[in-house]
Amino acid sequence: MALKAQSKKIDGVTVTICLTEDEGLCIEDGGKWLLMCEEHGSIVQDSNYRRLWANADEVSDWCEECRINDRVTLDA
């Protein structure tokens, strides 16, 4: 089974997993796969697709803007 790019909505933002090279970035910087917050452009890379996709639901753990937005919402 070939792994492919996919997206899902998490807390109002779209999170996408795709090949790092498809985004014009370098595998040597962190891995073959790229997880991206489409709203803010934050990324995280890994060589393991399943492990990286498992982190998609925790977008505020790896996207600084989402983390800030979560704090503002919780403080309000």
Protein backbone atom coordinates (compact mmCIF):
# COMPACT_ATOMS: atom_id res chain seq x y z
CA MET A 1 0.00 0.00 0.00
CA ALA A 2 1.46 3.33 -1.06
CA LEU A 3 1.21 6.11 1.49
CA LYS A 4 -0.17 9.36 0.14
CA ALA A 5 -0.81 12.94 1.09
CA GLN A 6 -3.92 13.58 3.16
CA SER A 7 -5.50 16.38 5.15
CA LYS A 8 -7.92 16.79 8.04
CA LYS A 9 -9.43 19.62 10.08
CA ILE A 10 -8.24 19.96 13.68
CA ASP A 11 -9.63 22.75 15.86
CA GLY A 12 -10.49 24.88 12.82
CA VAL A 13 -7.18 24.47 10.97
CA THR A 14 -6.29 22.08 8.18
CA VAL A 15 -3.37 19.75 8.85
CA THR A 16 -1.75 18.04 5.87
CA ILE A 17 0.81 15.26 5.60
CA CYS A 18 2.78 14.95 2.37
CA LEU A 19 6.20 14.16 0.99
CA THR A 20 8.80 16.73 2.03
CA GLU A 21 10.13 16.96 -1.52
CA ASP A 22 6.63 17.75 -2.84
CA GLU A 23 6.86 21.00 -0.85
CA GLY A 24 10.32 21.76 -2.24
CA LEU A 25 12.05 21.06 1.06
CA CYS A 26 15.00 18.82 1.90
CA ILE A 27 14.64 15.34 3.39
CA GLU A 28 17.97 15.77 5.18
CA ASP A 29 16.42 18.56 7.29
CA GLY A 30 14.19 16.15 9.16
CA GLY A 31 12.67 13.33 7.15
CA LYS A 32 10.82 12.09 4.10
CA TRP A 33 7.39 13.20 5.39
CA LEU A 34 6.11 16.64 6.31
CA LEU A 35 3.21 17.57 8.58
CA MET A 36 1.95 21.11 7.96
CA CYS A 37 -0.52 23.47 9.60
CA GLU A 38 -2.10 25.00 6.49
CA GLU A 39 -3.36 28.00 8.46
CA HIS A 40 0.02 29.12 9.80
CA GLY A 41 2.59 27.31 7.65
CA SER A 42 4.24 25.54 10.57
CA ILE A 43 5.84 22.21 9.73
CA VAL A 44 7.38 19.19 11.38
CA GLN A 45 9.22 16.41 9.54
CA ASP A 46 9.81 12.71 10.22
CA SER A 47 10.96 9.65 8.32
CA ASN A 48 7.98 7.62 9.58
CA TYR A 49 4.58 8.42 8.06
CA ARG A 50 2.41 6.76 10.71
CA ARG A 51 4.31 8.25 13.63
CA LEU A 52 4.08 11.73 12.09
CA TRP A 53 0.37 11.43 11.19
CA ALA A 54 -0.31 10.34 14.79
CA ASN A 55 0.85 13.84 15.84
CA ALA A 56 -1.61 15.63 13.55
CA ASP A 57 -4.33 15.82 16.20
CA GLU A 58 -1.95 17.63 18.59
CA VAL A 59 -1.35 20.58 16.27
CA SER A 60 -0.80 23.00 19.15
CA ASP A 61 2.19 20.84 20.22
CA TRP A 62 4.11 21.66 17.03
CA CYS A 63 2.51 24.84 15.62
CA GLU A 64 3.49 27.95 17.61
CA GLU A 65 0.54 30.02 16.32
CA CYS A 66 -1.98 27.32 17.23
CA ARG A 67 -0.40 27.07 20.69
CA ILE A 68 -0.72 30.86 21.15
CA ASN A 69 -4.33 30.78 19.94
CA ASP A 70 -5.12 27.96 22.38
CA ARG A 71 -3.67 29.99 25.27
CA VAL A 72 -5.65 33.10 24.30
CA THR A 73 -8.85 31.05 24.06
CA LEU A 74 -8.25 29.38 27.42
CA ASP A 75 -7.46 32.70 29.11
CA ALA A 76 -10.54 34.47 27.72
